[in-house]
């Protein structure tokens, strides 16, 4: 699975931190919504197209948080 994008709500701490990830594997696209940092709780969504996955990402990034996109380092081969 390849991670394509990562967004963070700009807040620190287990209670306040939220992350959204966009990943792909083959022809499938995955969105992960995580609350609570690395040890937090995640919800996963699976899509057949990048556009459908990005629609979900846009919906998840709405609200009062100051979302910022974090850079994703390319995989080394």
PDB file of N, CA and C in Angstrom:
ATOM      1  N   UNK A   1       0.853  -1.173   0.000  1.00  0.00           N
ATOM      2  CA  UNK A   1       0.000   0.000   0.000  1.00  0.00           C
ATOM      3  C   UNK A   1       0.901   1.239   0.000  1.00  0.00           C
ATOM      4  N   UNK A   2       0.551   2.205  -0.817  1.00  0.00           N
ATOM      5  CA  UNK A   2       1.330   3.439  -0.941  1.00  0.00           C
ATOM      6  C   UNK A   2       0.543   4.621  -0.378  1.00  0.00           C
ATOM      7  N   UNK A   3       1.183   5.354   0.530  1.00  0.00           N
ATOM      8  CA  UNK A   3       0.545   6.550   1.075  1.00  0.00           C
ATOM      9  C   UNK A   3       0.758   7.704   0.109  1.00  0.00           C
ATOM     10  N   UNK A   4      -0.326   8.363  -0.284  1.00  0.00           N
ATOM     11  CA  UNK A   4      -0.243   9.473  -1.233  1.00  0.00           C
ATOM     12  C   UNK A   4      -0.292  10.831  -0.555  1.00  0.00           C
ATOM     13  N   UNK A   5      -1.155  10.979   0.473  1.00  0.00           N
ATOM     14  CA  UNK A   5      -1.301  12.284   1.137  1.00  0.00           C
ATOM     15  C   UNK A   5      -1.615  12.069   2.612  1.00  0.00           C
ATOM     16  N   UNK A   6      -1.319  13.114   3.386  1.00  0.00           N
ATOM     17  CA  UNK A   6      -1.562  13.072   4.836  1.00  0.00           C
ATOM     18  C   UNK A   6      -1.938  14.476   5.278  1.00  0.00           C
ATOM     19  N   UNK A   7      -3.037  14.585   6.011  1.00  0.00           N
ATOM     20  CA  UNK A   7      -3.473  15.867   6.574  1.00  0.00           C
ATOM     21  C   UNK A   7      -3.520  15.728   8.086  1.00  0.00           C
ATOM     22  N   UNK A   8      -3.244  16.830   8.785  1.00  0.00           N
ATOM     23  CA  UNK A   8      -3.230  16.866  10.246  1.00  0.00           C
ATOM     24  C   UNK A   8      -3.970  18.113  10.692  1.00  0.00           C
ATOM     25  N   UNK A   9      -4.721  18.024  11.769  1.00  0.00           N
ATOM     26  CA  UNK A   9      -5.527  19.161  12.213  1.00  0.00           C
ATOM     27  C   UNK A   9      -4.723  20.205  13.004  1.00  0.00           C
ATOM     28  N   UNK A  10      -3.427  20.026  13.131  1.00  0.00           N
ATOM     29  CA  UNK A  10      -2.572  21.026  13.759  1.00  0.00           C
ATOM     30  C   UNK A  10      -2.598  21.043  15.271  1.00  0.00           C
ATOM     31  N   UNK A  11      -3.223  20.051  15.869  1.00  0.00           N
ATOM     32  CA  UNK A  11      -3.321  20.002  17.335  1.00  0.00           C
ATOM     33  C   UNK A  11      -2.488  18.853  17.885  1.00  0.00           C
ATOM     34  N   UNK A  12      -1.867  19.104  19.020  1.00  0.00           N
ATOM     35  CA  UNK A  12      -1.062  18.092  19.692  1.00  0.00           C
ATOM     36  C   UNK A  12      -1.872  17.456  20.799  1.00  0.00           C
ATOM     37  N   UNK A  13      -1.505  16.268  21.165  1.00  0.00           N
ATOM     38  CA  UNK A  13      -2.141  15.593  22.286  1.00  0.00           C
ATOM     39  C   UNK A  13      -3.090  14.515  21.836  1.00  0.00           C
ATOM     40  N   UNK A  14      -3.167  13.486  22.641  1.00  0.00           N
ATOM     41  CA  UNK A  14      -3.969  12.314  22.301  1.00  0.00           C
ATOM     42  C   UNK A  14      -5.440  12.634  22.110  1.00  0.00           C
ATOM     43  N   UNK A  15      -5.955  13.561  22.862  1.00  0.00           N
ATOM     44  CA  UNK A  15      -7.384  13.870  22.783  1.00  0.00           C
ATOM     45  C   UNK A  15      -7.707  14.748  21.571  1.00  0.00           C
ATOM     46  N   UNK A  16      -6.815  15.682  21.225  1.00  0.00           N
ATOM     47  CA  UNK A  16      -7.121  16.692  20.215  1.00  0.00           C
ATOM     48  C   UNK A  16      -6.647  16.350  18.811  1.00  0.00           C
ATOM     49  N   UNK A  17      -5.613  15.536  18.670  1.00  0.00           N
ATOM     50  CA  UNK A  17      -5.014  15.292  17.363  1.00  0.00           C
ATOM     51  C   UNK A  17      -5.923  14.450  16.472  1.00  0.00           C
ATOM     52  N   UNK A  18      -5.993  14.860  15.186  1.00  0.00           N
ATOM     53  CA  UNK A  18      -6.712  14.101  14.162  1.00  0.00           C
ATOM     54  C   UNK A  18      -5.854  14.064  12.906  1.00  0.00           C
ATOM     55  N   UNK A  19      -5.894  12.947  12.208  1.00  0.00           N
ATOM     56  CA  UNK A  19      -5.157  12.777  10.952  1.00  0.00           C
ATOM     57  C   UNK A  19      -6.074  12.140   9.923  1.00  0.00           C
ATOM     58  N   UNK A  20      -5.834  12.480   8.658  1.00  0.00           N
ATOM     59  CA  UNK A  20      -6.533  11.853   7.534  1.00  0.00           C
ATOM     60  C   UNK A  20      -5.458  11.443   6.534  1.00  0.00           C
ATOM     61  N   UNK A  21      -5.529  10.201   6.085  1.00  0.00           N
ATOM     62  CA  UNK A  21      -4.546   9.655   5.138  1.00  0.00           C
ATOM     63  C   UNK A  21      -5.251   9.200   3.868  1.00  0.00           C
ATOM     64  N   UNK A  22      -4.593   9.409   2.734  1.00  0.00           N
ATOM     65  CA  UNK A  22      -5.053   8.894   1.448  1.00  0.00           C
ATOM     66  C   UNK A  22      -4.008   7.890   0.973  1.00  0.00           C
ATOM     67  N   UNK A  23      -4.457   6.662   0.714  1.00  0.00           N
ATOM     68  CA  UNK A  23      -3.540   5.603   0.286  1.00  0.00           C
ATOM     69  C   UNK A  23      -4.122   4.876  -0.920  1.00  0.00           C
ATOM     70  N   UNK A  24      -3.243   4.193  -1.643  1.00  0.00           N
ATOM     71  CA  UNK A  24      -3.691   3.416  -2.792  1.00  0.00           C
ATOM     72  C   UNK A  24      -2.955   2.086  -2.842  1.00  0.00           C
ATOM     73  N   UNK A  25      -3.627   1.099  -3.395  1.00  0.00           N
ATOM     74  CA  UNK A  25      -3.040  -0.208  -3.642  1.00  0.00           C
ATOM     75  C   UNK A  25      -3.736  -0.777  -4.863  1.00  0.00           C
ATOM     76  N   UNK A  26      -2.988  -0.941  -5.929  1.00  0.00           N
ATOM     77  CA  UNK A  26      -3.599  -1.401  -7.171  1.00  0.00           C
ATOM     78  C   UNK A  26      -4.616  -0.385  -7.655  1.00  0.00           C
ATOM     79  N   UNK A  27      -5.833  -0.832  -7.912  1.00  0.00           N
ATOM     80  CA  UNK A  27      -6.903   0.058  -8.368  1.00  0.00           C
ATOM     81  C   UNK A  27      -7.799   0.547  -7.230  1.00  0.00           C
ATOM     82  N   UNK A  28      -7.468   0.204  -5.993  1.00  0.00           N
ATOM     83  CA  UNK A  28      -8.278   0.590  -4.843  1.00  0.00           C
ATOM     84  C   UNK A  28      -7.673   1.800  -4.145  1.00  0.00           C
ATOM     85  N   UNK A  29      -8.556   2.634  -3.611  1.00  0.00           N
ATOM     86  CA  UNK A  29      -8.156   3.830  -2.858  1.00  0.00           C
ATOM     87  C   UNK A  29      -8.709   3.720  -1.452  1.00  0.00           C
ATOM     88  N   UNK A  30      -7.922   4.156  -0.487  1.00  0.00           N
ATOM     89  CA  UNK A  30      -8.285   4.030   0.922  1.00  0.00           C
ATOM     90  C   UNK A  30      -8.125   5.370   1.626  1.00  0.00           C
ATOM     91  N   UNK A  31      -9.071   5.686   2.482  1.00  0.00           N
ATOM     92  CA  UNK A  31      -9.004   6.872   3.331  1.00  0.00           C
ATOM     93  C   UNK A  31      -9.040   6.376   4.768  1.00  0.00           C
ATOM     94  N   UNK A  32      -8.097   6.862   5.563  1.00  0.00           N
ATOM     95  CA  UNK A  32      -8.082   6.554   6.993  1.00  0.00           C
ATOM     96  C   UNK A  32      -8.307   7.839   7.764  1.00  0.00           C
ATOM     97  N   UNK A  33      -9.265   7.817   8.660  1.00  0.00           N
ATOM     98  CA  UNK A  33      -9.531   8.931   9.566  1.00  0.00           C
ATOM     99  C   UNK A  33      -9.109   8.452  10.952  1.00  0.00           C
ATOM    100  N   UNK A  34      -8.091   9.125  11.525  1.00  0.00           N
ATOM    101  CA  UNK A  34      -7.566   8.693  12.825  1.00  0.00           C
ATOM    102  C   UNK A  34      -7.710   9.813  13.850  1.00  0.00           C
ATOM    103  N   UNK A  35      -8.185   9.476  15.023  1.00  0.00           N
ATOM    104  CA  UNK A  35      -8.283  10.409  16.139  1.00  0.00           C
ATOM    105  C   UNK A  35      -7.412   9.891  17.269  1.00  0.00           C
ATOM    106  N   UNK A  36      -6.563  10.771  17.837  1.00  0.00           N
ATOM    107  CA  UNK A  36      -5.773  10.377  18.988  1.00  0.00           C
ATOM    108  C   UNK A  36      -4.332  10.024  18.706  1.00  0.00           C
ATOM    109  N   UNK A  37      -3.801  10.381  17.550  1.00  0.00           N
ATOM    110  CA  UNK A  37      -2.399  10.110  17.255  1.00  0.00           C
ATOM    111  C   UNK A  37      -2.141   8.665  16.891  1.00  0.00           C
ATOM    112  N   UNK A  38      -0.870   8.258  16.987  1.00  0.00           N
ATOM    113  CA  UNK A  38      -0.445   6.931  16.533  1.00  0.00           C
ATOM    114  C   UNK A  38      -1.186   5.799  17.245  1.00  0.00           C
ATOM    115  N   UNK A  39      -1.537   5.995  18.498  1.00  0.00           N
ATOM    116  CA  UNK A  39      -2.237   4.949  19.257  1.00  0.00           C
ATOM    117  C   UNK A  39      -3.745   5.164  19.290  1.00  0.00           C
ATOM    118  N   UNK A  40      -4.233   6.059  18.429  1.00  0.00           N
ATOM    119  CA  UNK A  40      -5.645   6.408  18.440  1.00  0.00           C
ATOM    120  C   UNK A  40      -6.531   5.406  17.733  1.00  0.00           C
ATOM    121  N   UNK A  41      -7.762   5.819  17.522  1.00  0.00           N
ATOM    122  CA  UNK A  41      -8.784   4.989  16.882  1.00  0.00           C
ATOM    123  C   UNK A  41      -8.937   5.430  15.429  1.00  0.00           C
ATOM    124  N   UNK A  42      -8.970   4.452  14.519  1.00  0.00           N
ATOM    125  CA  UNK A  42      -9.082   4.749  13.094  1.00  0.00           C
ATOM    126  C   UNK A  42     -10.378   4.207  12.513  1.00  0.00           C
ATOM    127  N   UNK A  43     -10.869   4.920  11.504  1.00  0.00           N
ATOM    128  CA  UNK A  43     -11.980   4.458  10.674  1.00  0.00           C
ATOM    129  C   UNK A  43     -11.447   4.422   9.248  1.00  0.00           C
ATOM    130  N   UNK A  44     -11.777   3.359   8.524  1.00  0.00           N
ATOM    131  CA  UNK A  44     -11.258   3.164   7.176  1.00  0.00           C
ATOM    132  C   UNK A  44     -12.396   3.162   6.160  1.00  0.00           C
ATOM    133  N   UNK A  45     -12.109   3.742   5.004  1.00  0.00           N
ATOM    134  CA  UNK A  45     -13.074   3.817   3.909  1.00  0.00           C
ATOM    135  C   UNK A  45     -12.362   3.349   2.640  1.00  0.00           C
ATOM    136  N   UNK A  46     -13.026   2.550   1.818  1.00  0.00           N
ATOM    137  CA  UNK A  46     -12.439   1.995   0.600  1.00  0.00           C
ATOM    138  C   UNK A  46     -13.226   2.465  -0.611  1.00  0.00           C
ATOM    139  N   UNK A  47     -12.509   2.842  -1.688  1.00  0.00           N
ATOM    140  CA  UNK A  47     -13.140   3.385  -2.892  1.00  0.00           C
ATOM    141  C   UNK A  47     -12.520   2.790  -4.149  1.00  0.00           C
ATOM    142  N   UNK A  48     -13.304   2.808  -5.218  1.00  0.00           N
ATOM    143  CA  UNK A  48     -12.837   2.294  -6.509  1.00  0.00           C
ATOM    144  C   UNK A  48     -12.158   3.351  -7.356  1.00  0.00           C
ATOM    145  N   UNK A  49     -12.220   4.639  -6.933  1.00  0.00           N
ATOM    146  CA  UNK A  49     -11.585   5.690  -7.721  1.00  0.00           C
ATOM    147  C   UNK A  49     -10.943   6.725  -6.809  1.00  0.00           C
ATOM    148  N   UNK A  50      -9.939   7.386  -7.328  1.00  0.00           N
ATOM    149  CA  UNK A  50      -9.265   8.444  -6.579  1.00  0.00           C
ATOM    150  C   UNK A  50     -10.224   9.597  -6.288  1.00  0.00           C
ATOM    151  N   UNK A  51     -11.049   9.939  -7.257  1.00  0.00           N
ATOM    152  CA  UNK A  51     -11.985  11.058  -7.080  1.00  0.00           C
ATOM    153  C   UNK A  51     -12.974  10.786  -5.942  1.00  0.00           C
ATOM    154  N   UNK A  52     -13.489   9.577  -5.866  1.00  0.00           N
ATOM    155  CA  UNK A  52     -14.406   9.229  -4.782  1.00  0.00           C
ATOM    156  C   UNK A  52     -13.695   9.317  -3.427  1.00  0.00           C
ATOM    157  N   UNK A  53     -12.460   8.847  -3.374  1.00  0.00           N
ATOM    158  CA  UNK A  53     -11.687   8.926  -2.130  1.00  0.00           C
ATOM    159  C   UNK A  53     -11.430  10.378  -1.749  1.00  0.00           C
ATOM    160  N   UNK A  54     -11.091  11.219  -2.729  1.00  0.00           N
ATOM    161  CA  UNK A  54     -10.848  12.636  -2.448  1.00  0.00           C
ATOM    162  C   UNK A  54     -12.125  13.354  -2.015  1.00  0.00           C
ATOM    163  N   UNK A  55     -13.268  12.927  -2.521  1.00  0.00           N
ATOM    164  CA  UNK A  55     -14.544  13.494  -2.045  1.00  0.00           C
ATOM    165  C   UNK A  55     -14.701  13.240  -0.550  1.00  0.00           C
ATOM    166  N   UNK A  56     -14.352  12.030  -0.103  1.00  0.00           N
ATOM    167  CA  UNK A  56     -14.438  11.718   1.324  1.00  0.00           C
ATOM    168  C   UNK A  56     -13.423  12.542   2.113  1.00  0.00           C
ATOM    169  N   UNK A  57     -12.218  12.681   1.597  1.00  0.00           N
ATOM    170  CA  UNK A  57     -11.200  13.493   2.279  1.00  0.00           C
ATOM    171  C   UNK A  57     -11.713  14.918   2.459  1.00  0.00           C
ATOM    172  N   UNK A  58     -12.256  15.503   1.402  1.00  0.00           N
ATOM    173  CA  UNK A  58     -12.779  16.876   1.494  1.00  0.00           C
ATOM    174  C   UNK A  58     -13.871  16.974   2.553  1.00  0.00           C
ATOM    175  N   UNK A  59     -14.734  15.972   2.633  1.00  0.00           N
ATOM    176  CA  UNK A  59     -15.794  15.977   3.643  1.00  0.00           C
ATOM    177  C   UNK A  59     -15.209  15.886   5.055  1.00  0.00           C
ATOM    178  N   UNK A  60     -14.162  15.087   5.223  1.00  0.00           N
ATOM    179  CA  UNK A  60     -13.556  14.928   6.545  1.00  0.00           C
ATOM    180  C   UNK A  60     -12.790  16.167   6.996  1.00  0.00           C
ATOM    181  N   UNK A  61     -12.307  16.959   6.045  1.00  0.00           N
ATOM    182  CA  UNK A  61     -11.490  18.131   6.386  1.00  0.00           C
ATOM    183  C   UNK A  61     -12.324  19.387   6.637  1.00  0.00           C
ATOM    184  N   UNK A  62     -13.620  19.272   6.612  1.00  0.00           N
ATOM    185  CA  UNK A  62     -14.461  20.440   6.897  1.00  0.00           C
ATOM    186  C   UNK A  62     -14.557  20.647   8.401  1.00  0.00           C
ATOM    187  N   UNK A  63     -14.911  21.836   8.800  1.00  0.00           N
ATOM    188  CA  UNK A  63     -15.087  22.105  10.222  1.00  0.00           C
ATOM    189  C   UNK A  63     -14.143  23.169  10.726  1.00  0.00           C
ATOM    190  N   UNK A  64     -14.000  23.211  12.024  1.00  0.00           N
ATOM    191  CA  UNK A  64     -13.268  24.279  12.691  1.00  0.00           C
ATOM    192  C   UNK A  64     -11.758  24.055  12.762  1.00  0.00           C
ATOM    193  N   UNK A  65     -11.287  22.848  12.524  1.00  0.00           N
ATOM    194  CA  UNK A  65      -9.858  22.572  12.639  1.00  0.00           C
ATOM    195  C   UNK A  65      -9.062  23.286  11.558  1.00  0.00           C
ATOM    196  N   UNK A  66      -7.800  23.556  11.859  1.00  0.00           N
ATOM    197  CA  UNK A  66      -6.872  24.204  10.924  1.00  0.00           C
ATOM    198  C   UNK A  66      -6.065  23.115  10.217  1.00  0.00           C
ATOM    199  N   UNK A  67      -6.706  22.431   9.275  1.00  0.00           N
ATOM    200  CA  UNK A  67      -6.073  21.302   8.591  1.00  0.00           C
ATOM    201  C   UNK A  67      -4.903  21.762   7.742  1.00  0.00           C
ATOM    202  N   UNK A  68      -3.826  20.980   7.770  1.00  0.00           N
ATOM    203  CA  UNK A  68      -2.666  21.243   6.920  1.00  0.00           C
ATOM    204  C   UNK A  68      -2.179  19.940   6.311  1.00  0.00           C
ATOM    205  N   UNK A  69      -1.783  20.043   5.068  1.00  0.00           N
ATOM    206  CA  UNK A  69      -1.267  18.856   4.393  1.00  0.00           C
ATOM    207  C   UNK A  69       0.207  18.699   4.742  1.00  0.00           C
ATOM    208  N   UNK A  70       0.565  17.507   5.144  1.00  0.00           N
ATOM    209  CA  UNK A  70       1.956  17.180   5.449  1.00  0.00           C
ATOM    210  C   UNK A  70       2.555  16.499   4.238  1.00  0.00           C
ATOM    211  N   UNK A  71       3.820  16.756   3.991  1.00  0.00           N
ATOM    212  CA  UNK A  71       4.452  16.143   2.825  1.00  0.00           C
ATOM    213  C   UNK A  71       4.656  14.660   3.078  1.00  0.00           C
ATOM    214  N   UNK A  72       4.592  13.894   2.026  1.00  0.00           N
ATOM    215  CA  UNK A  72       4.814  12.459   2.074  1.00  0.00           C
ATOM    216  C   UNK A  72       6.109  12.176   1.344  1.00  0.00           C
ATOM    217  N   UNK A  73       7.026  11.514   2.026  1.00  0.00           N
ATOM    218  CA  UNK A  73       8.301  11.187   1.389  1.00  0.00           C
ATOM    219  C   UNK A  73       8.104  10.039   0.420  1.00  0.00           C
ATOM    220  N   UNK A  74       8.682  10.153  -0.786  1.00  0.00           N
ATOM    221  CA  UNK A  74       8.559   9.051  -1.748  1.00  0.00           C
ATOM    222  C   UNK A  74       9.237   7.790  -1.217  1.00  0.00           C
ATOM    223  N   UNK A  75       8.675   6.647  -1.570  1.00  0.00           N
ATOM    224  CA  UNK A  75       9.277   5.383  -1.161  1.00  0.00           C
ATOM    225  C   UNK A  75      10.602   5.188  -1.862  1.00  0.00           C
ATOM    226  N   UNK A  76      11.579   4.679  -1.123  1.00  0.00           N
ATOM    227  CA  UNK A  76      12.867   4.354  -1.731  1.00  0.00           C
ATOM    228  C   UNK A  76      12.769   2.981  -2.375  1.00  0.00           C
ATOM    229  N   UNK A  77      13.381   2.860  -3.508  1.00  0.00           N
ATOM    230  CA  UNK A  77      13.313   1.571  -4.236  1.00  0.00           C
ATOM    231  C   UNK A  77      14.652   0.913  -4.284  1.00  0.00           C
TER     232      UNK A  77
END
